[in-house]
Protein backbone atom coordinates (compact mmCIF):
# COMPACT_ATOMS: atom_id res chain seq x y z
CA MET A 1 125.60 103.04 124.31
CA THR A 2 125.46 103.92 120.60
CA MET A 3 121.96 103.96 119.18
CA THR A 4 121.18 102.24 115.90
CA ARG A 5 118.63 104.48 114.24
CA ILE A 6 116.78 102.85 111.35
CA ARG A 7 114.43 104.53 108.92
CA ALA A 8 111.37 102.50 107.96
CA TRP A 9 107.75 102.56 106.79
CA ALA A 10 105.24 101.65 109.49
CA ALA A 11 101.48 101.38 109.95
CA LEU A 12 100.51 102.87 113.29
CA GLY A 13 97.18 101.08 113.39
CA GLU A 14 94.86 98.65 111.64
CA LYS A 15 94.28 99.39 107.92
CA GLN A 16 96.22 102.65 108.13
CA LYS A 17 98.56 103.97 105.47
CA LEU A 18 102.25 103.43 106.12
CA GLU A 19 104.21 106.42 107.42
CA SER A 20 107.90 107.23 107.43
CA VAL A 21 109.37 106.55 110.88
CA VAL A 22 112.73 106.27 112.58
CA TYR A 23 113.27 103.78 115.38
CA ASP A 24 116.09 102.79 117.70
CA ALA A 25 116.92 99.13 117.07
CA GLY A 26 118.99 98.83 120.25
CA PRO A 27 122.05 96.61 120.59
CA LEU A 28 122.54 93.68 118.23
CA ASP A 29 121.85 90.32 119.87
CA PRO A 30 124.89 87.99 119.95
CA GLU A 31 123.15 85.54 117.53
CA GLU A 32 121.65 88.19 115.25
CA VAL A 33 122.74 89.66 111.95
CA GLU A 34 121.80 93.09 110.65
CA ILE A 35 121.07 93.38 106.95
CA ALA A 36 120.96 96.48 104.76
CA VAL A 37 117.80 95.96 102.71
CA GLU A 38 118.17 96.31 98.95
CA PHE A 39 114.84 94.80 97.87
CA CYS A 40 111.78 93.54 99.75
CA GLY A 41 108.80 91.72 98.36
CA LEU A 42 105.24 92.78 99.17
CA CYS A 43 103.20 89.66 99.92
CA HIS A 44 99.47 89.20 100.45
CA SER A 45 100.33 88.20 104.02
CA ASP A 46 101.59 91.76 104.54
CA LEU A 47 98.08 92.95 103.66
CA SER A 48 96.58 90.42 106.06
CA ILE A 49 98.76 91.71 108.90
CA LEU A 50 98.10 95.35 107.96
CA ASN A 51 94.35 94.70 108.06
CA ASN A 52 94.52 92.34 111.08
CA ASP A 53 92.67 89.67 109.06
CA TRP A 54 94.13 86.92 111.27
CA GLY A 55 93.65 88.70 114.60
CA VAL A 56 97.35 88.50 115.52
CA SER A 57 98.69 91.85 114.30
CA GLN A 58 100.68 94.10 116.63
CA TYR A 59 100.87 97.84 115.97
CA PRO A 60 102.79 99.84 115.07
CA VAL A 61 103.92 97.34 112.45
CA ILE A 62 106.79 97.46 109.98
CA LEU A 63 105.77 95.05 107.23
CA GLY A 64 108.01 93.22 104.76
CA HIS A 65 109.11 89.60 105.10
CA GLU A 66 110.82 88.93 101.76
CA ALA A 67 113.92 91.02 102.34
CA VAL A 68 117.16 90.74 100.36
CA GLY A 69 120.34 92.60 101.19
CA ARG A 70 123.90 92.54 102.46
CA ILE A 71 124.94 91.85 106.03
CA THR A 72 126.29 94.97 107.73
CA ALA A 73 126.85 93.62 111.24
CA VAL A 74 127.07 90.23 112.97
CA GLY A 75 126.74 89.29 116.64
CA ASP A 76 129.70 87.60 118.28
CA GLN A 77 127.94 84.21 118.32
CA VAL A 78 126.85 84.19 114.67
CA LYS A 79 127.88 81.09 112.72
CA GLY A 80 128.83 80.83 109.06
CA LEU A 81 127.92 84.33 107.92
CA ARG A 82 130.08 87.39 107.31
CA VAL A 83 129.71 91.12 106.81
CA GLY A 84 129.12 91.90 103.14
CA GLN A 85 127.43 88.59 102.36
CA ARG A 86 124.12 88.78 100.51
CA VAL A 87 121.29 86.97 102.28
CA GLY A 88 117.52 86.82 102.41
CA VAL A 89 115.04 86.79 105.30
CA GLY A 90 111.54 85.39 104.85
CA TRP A 91 108.44 84.90 107.01
CA THR A 92 110.41 83.71 110.04
CA SER A 93 113.28 85.65 111.58
CA ALA A 94 114.05 83.51 114.65
CA SER A 95 113.22 80.25 116.40
CA CYS A 96 114.29 78.81 119.74
CA MET A 97 116.88 76.37 118.28
CA HIS A 98 116.48 73.85 121.10
CA CYS A 99 112.94 72.39 120.91
CA ASP A 100 112.15 69.09 119.21
CA GLN A 101 110.99 70.81 116.02
CA CYS A 102 114.13 72.94 115.77
CA MET A 103 116.42 70.02 116.56
CA THR A 104 114.80 67.83 113.90
CA GLY A 105 115.01 70.39 111.11
CA ASN A 106 111.48 71.80 111.31
CA GLN A 107 112.42 75.19 112.72
CA HIS A 108 109.49 76.83 110.93
CA LEU A 109 107.16 74.79 113.19
CA CYS A 110 108.83 75.94 116.41
CA ARG A 111 106.19 77.19 118.86
CA GLN A 112 108.48 80.11 119.73
CA ALA A 113 109.22 81.04 116.12
CA VAL A 114 109.25 84.80 115.53
CA ALA A 115 107.35 85.99 112.47
CA THR A 116 109.30 88.78 110.80
CA ILE A 117 106.28 91.11 110.81
CA ILE A 118 104.50 90.10 114.03
CA GLY A 119 106.12 91.59 117.12
CA HIS A 120 109.26 92.11 115.08
CA ARG A 121 110.37 94.88 112.73
CA GLY A 122 110.17 93.82 109.10
CA GLY A 123 111.93 94.65 105.87
CA PHE A 124 110.19 97.82 104.70
CA ALA A 125 113.17 99.56 106.21
CA GLU A 126 116.79 100.52 105.73
CA LYS A 127 117.83 97.49 107.74
CA VAL A 128 116.28 94.32 109.13
CA ARG A 129 117.55 91.91 111.79
CA SER A 130 117.28 88.16 112.08
CA HIS A 131 118.76 85.19 113.90
CA TRP A 132 121.74 84.02 111.84
CA ALA A 133 120.11 80.67 110.98
CA TRP A 134 117.21 82.45 109.29
CA ALA A 135 119.43 84.72 107.16
CA VAL A 136 119.77 82.40 104.18
CA PRO A 137 122.66 82.97 101.74
CA LEU A 138 121.57 83.59 98.14
CA PRO A 139 123.11 81.75 95.17
CA ASP A 140 125.25 84.11 93.11
CA SER A 141 123.34 83.29 89.93
CA LEU A 142 119.97 84.48 91.27
CA ASP A 143 118.67 87.86 90.14
CA ILE A 144 118.47 89.59 93.51
CA SER A 145 115.99 92.18 92.27
CA SER A 146 113.34 89.46 91.92
CA ALA A 147 114.57 86.96 94.54
CA GLY A 148 112.63 88.36 97.52
CA PRO A 149 109.31 86.59 96.81
CA LEU A 150 111.10 83.23 96.70
CA LEU A 151 111.84 83.59 100.44
CA CYS A 152 108.15 83.32 101.34
CA GLY A 153 106.01 82.45 98.32
CA GLY A 154 108.71 80.30 96.75
CA VAL A 155 109.39 78.05 99.71
CA THR A 156 105.68 77.88 100.58
CA VAL A 157 104.87 76.14 97.29
CA PHE A 158 108.19 74.26 96.98
CA ALA A 159 108.41 72.63 100.41
CA PRO A 160 105.31 70.38 100.02
CA PHE A 161 106.86 68.67 96.98
CA ALA A 162 109.62 67.28 99.17
CA THR A 163 107.54 66.85 102.34
CA TYR A 164 104.87 64.74 100.64
CA GLY A 165 107.06 62.86 98.17
CA VAL A 166 105.74 64.32 94.93
CA LYS A 167 107.43 62.42 92.09
CA PRO A 168 108.36 63.53 88.56
CA THR A 169 105.88 60.94 87.28
CA HIS A 170 103.00 62.52 89.22
CA ARG A 171 100.23 64.67 87.85
CA VAL A 172 99.92 67.89 89.83
CA GLY A 173 97.19 70.52 89.92
CA VAL A 174 97.60 74.13 91.06
CA VAL A 175 94.50 76.08 92.13
CA GLY A 176 94.87 79.83 91.74
CA ILE A 177 97.52 81.37 89.49
CA GLY A 178 98.60 84.43 91.42
CA GLY A 179 101.59 85.25 93.57
CA LEU A 180 101.93 81.70 94.88
CA GLY A 181 100.41 79.80 91.97
CA HIS A 182 102.61 81.24 89.23
CA LEU A 183 105.64 80.01 91.17
CA ALA A 184 104.03 76.63 91.85
CA LEU A 185 103.54 76.09 88.11
CA GLN A 186 107.23 76.71 87.46
CA PHE A 187 108.41 74.45 90.28
CA ALA A 188 106.01 71.63 89.35
CA ASN A 189 107.02 71.74 85.71
CA ALA A 190 110.74 71.75 86.54
CA TRP A 191 110.10 68.90 89.00
CA GLY A 192 109.03 66.85 85.97
CA CYS A 193 105.30 66.68 86.66
CA GLU A 194 102.38 66.97 84.29
CA VAL A 195 100.74 70.20 85.46
CA THR A 196 97.10 71.31 85.42
CA ALA A 197 96.32 74.94 86.30
CA PHE A 198 92.94 75.94 87.72
CA SER A 199 92.47 79.67 87.09
CA SER A 200 89.48 82.00 87.26
CA ASN A 201 90.97 84.46 84.76
CA PRO A 202 90.56 83.49 81.08
CA SER A 203 92.99 86.25 80.05
CA LYS A 204 95.83 84.37 81.75
CA VAL A 205 95.56 81.14 79.74
CA GLU A 206 98.50 81.68 77.37
CA GLU A 207 100.63 83.16 80.12
CA VAL A 208 99.78 80.25 82.43
CA ARG A 209 100.92 77.79 79.75
CA LYS A 210 104.21 79.64 79.40
CA LEU A 211 104.69 79.38 83.17
CA GLY A 212 104.55 75.60 82.96
CA ALA A 213 100.93 74.39 82.80
CA HIS A 214 100.12 71.61 80.37
CA ARG A 215 96.37 72.06 80.86
CA VAL A 216 94.25 75.01 82.02
CA VAL A 217 90.80 74.61 83.62
CA SER A 218 88.45 77.31 84.87
CA SER A 219 88.59 77.24 88.67
CA ARG A 220 84.89 78.15 88.94
CA ASP A 221 83.52 75.79 86.29
CA ARG A 222 82.28 72.74 88.21
CA ASP A 223 81.67 70.74 85.03
CA GLY A 224 85.16 71.52 83.78
CA ILE A 225 86.68 70.58 87.11
CA LEU A 226 84.76 67.30 87.18
CA LYS A 227 86.11 66.45 83.73
CA ALA A 228 89.48 66.21 85.47
CA ALA A 229 88.11 63.65 87.96
CA ASN A 230 90.47 60.92 89.09
CA SER A 231 93.44 62.48 87.26
CA LEU A 232 95.67 64.12 89.88
CA ASP A 233 98.09 62.78 92.45
CA PHE A 234 98.61 66.11 94.21
CA LEU A 235 96.48 69.27 94.22
CA LEU A 236 98.09 72.43 95.58
CA VAL A 237 95.60 75.10 96.68
CA THR A 238 97.11 78.60 96.69
CA VAL A 239 93.93 80.72 96.89
CA ASN A 240 92.52 82.29 100.06
CA VAL A 241 88.84 82.22 99.01
CA PRO A 242 86.27 79.42 99.31
CA LEU A 243 85.72 77.26 96.23
CA ASP A 244 83.80 74.08 95.38
CA TRP A 245 86.07 71.81 97.44
CA SER A 246 83.98 68.69 96.90
CA ALA A 247 84.53 69.04 93.14
CA TYR A 248 88.25 69.56 93.61
CA LEU A 249 88.49 66.51 95.86
CA GLN A 250 87.07 64.45 93.00
CA THR A 251 90.01 65.43 90.77
CA LEU A 252 92.28 63.30 92.96
CA LYS A 253 93.26 59.74 92.21
CA PRO A 254 93.15 57.18 95.01
CA ASN A 255 95.86 58.09 97.56
CA GLY A 256 95.75 61.65 96.23
CA ARG A 257 96.30 64.70 98.40
CA MET A 258 94.68 68.16 98.42
CA HIS A 259 97.16 70.48 100.10
CA PHE A 260 96.46 74.03 101.27
CA VAL A 261 99.08 76.78 101.32
CA GLY A 262 96.54 79.58 100.81
CA ALA A 263 94.98 80.87 104.02
CA VAL A 264 91.31 80.08 103.31
CA LEU A 265 89.61 81.44 106.44
CA GLU A 266 86.28 79.65 105.96
CA PRO A 267 85.94 75.97 106.97
CA VAL A 268 86.47 73.44 104.18
CA PRO A 269 83.36 71.19 104.09
CA VAL A 270 84.40 67.65 103.20
CA GLY A 271 82.62 64.43 104.13
CA ALA A 272 84.72 61.69 105.68
CA PRO A 273 83.38 59.08 103.19
CA ASP A 274 84.85 61.18 100.34
CA LEU A 275 88.26 60.75 101.94
CA ILE A 276 87.83 57.14 103.02
CA SER A 277 86.60 55.76 99.71
CA GLY A 278 89.67 56.87 97.77
CA GLN A 279 92.11 56.87 100.70
CA LYS A 280 92.58 60.58 100.08
CA SER A 281 94.19 63.23 102.29
CA ILE A 282 93.76 66.92 103.01
CA SER A 283 96.69 68.81 104.52
CA GLY A 284 98.30 72.22 104.84
CA SER A 285 101.66 73.81 105.49
CA PRO A 286 103.19 77.23 106.18
CA THR A 287 106.56 78.27 104.71
CA GLY A 288 109.64 76.12 105.37
CA SER A 289 112.81 75.60 107.35
CA PRO A 290 116.09 77.38 106.58
CA ALA A 291 117.30 74.17 104.89
CA ALA A 292 114.14 74.04 102.75
CA ILE A 293 114.60 77.69 101.77
CA SER A 294 118.22 77.03 100.81
CA SER A 295 117.26 73.95 98.76
CA MET A 296 114.49 75.90 97.04
CA LEU A 297 116.88 78.73 96.14
CA ASP A 298 119.37 76.24 94.69
CA PHE A 299 116.59 74.54 92.68
CA ALA A 300 115.30 77.88 91.42
CA SER A 301 118.80 78.94 90.42
CA ARG A 302 119.48 75.65 88.62
CA HIS A 303 116.18 75.70 86.70
CA HIS A 304 116.03 79.46 86.09
CA ILE A 305 112.83 79.85 88.10
CA ALA A 306 112.02 83.42 89.06
CA PRO A 307 108.97 85.32 90.26
CA GLN A 308 107.34 87.59 87.71
CA VAL A 309 107.57 90.94 89.49
CA GLU A 310 106.53 94.57 89.32
CA HIS A 311 108.81 97.09 91.02
CA PHE A 312 107.89 100.12 93.13
CA VAL A 313 110.36 102.27 95.04
CA MET A 314 109.86 101.78 98.76
CA SER A 315 108.81 105.40 99.25
CA LYS A 316 105.77 104.56 97.09
CA VAL A 317 104.84 101.64 99.37
CA ASN A 318 101.26 102.82 99.82
CA ASP A 319 100.76 102.84 96.04
CA ALA A 320 102.20 99.33 95.91
CA ILE A 321 99.82 98.14 98.64
CA ALA A 322 96.83 99.63 96.80
CA HIS A 323 97.98 97.94 93.58
CA LEU A 324 98.19 94.55 95.29
CA ALA A 325 94.93 95.00 97.21
CA ALA A 326 93.12 95.79 93.95
CA GLY A 327 94.26 92.46 92.51
CA LYS A 328 96.34 94.14 89.80
CA ALA A 329 99.72 92.56 90.61
CA ARG A 330 101.16 90.23 87.96
CA TYR A 331 102.31 88.37 89.91
CA ARG A 332 104.43 89.69 92.77
CA VAL A 333 105.38 93.19 93.90
CA VAL A 334 108.92 94.10 94.96
CA LEU A 335 109.93 97.31 96.70
CA ASP A 336 113.31 98.82 95.86
CA ALA A 337 114.87 100.47 98.92
CA ASP A 338 115.39 104.19 98.26
CA PHE A 339 116.38 105.63 101.63
CA THR A 340 119.64 107.22 100.48
């Protein structure tokens, strides 16, 4: 049997620097595609898995779950994809395709879903593999060098707009203007909403307005937040740190929703009467289904929405990780494959 040797960058243990490795990928599964990676985003979730912040990491780990490239091989049961086609793979690389969630279009909620960087080899590599359904074709008009972060960050902030029926007439708030938030501003503005940004960084105000915010409020100024009381239909929380959630809940109108896409690890203290009195909701969501990713890519292409990215060559991946960990990224980091 011919071996498929793939060069990659792997962390051999928790919080360790990534090292150059070569692994044998084995035979291609009949429903898998193999993709030659051209670009791969570096997401904060990669840091969380590297550091085992969520307690689910498996080492050695090849990170990278925002991979863009061309298909180099297809299994004999692959549907609708061809060698040479440019596709992207995000947080999920496979799901069972027969459970209730998969059969009703919520494949990202499948209990057997395979995360691209947990027990699976990710995109900081020459090649990455995925089930064909999770290799999403990219619109020709997208700039592929910056498209990677859309596959995770993009769909994460886009999917709730459709899931929860956000309307163009709604007023939307975005908490945290970083890797997720700067995309959320663009999507919300293009959706037609009036957009309020809650940011802790005063130096970003003009930039945040250019990204689509109509108003900017300090995310740590309780008085400023309370001035926005009863003004928002939908509040999207993209941060992963605890904030004054009771104040944020007051920004919602009756029937408003505070929705978490940032992995805040601490409990969110909210009294039931605060929800009951205004018929308010708190919810959360992960990324999205293949159909949601495809819709998001089409929307981004149509409205010229793109992540603001900084590029590192993949061989400088440890520098890129340090840059992101230090909070210096504006706003996403993309690694350019340089194996040849």
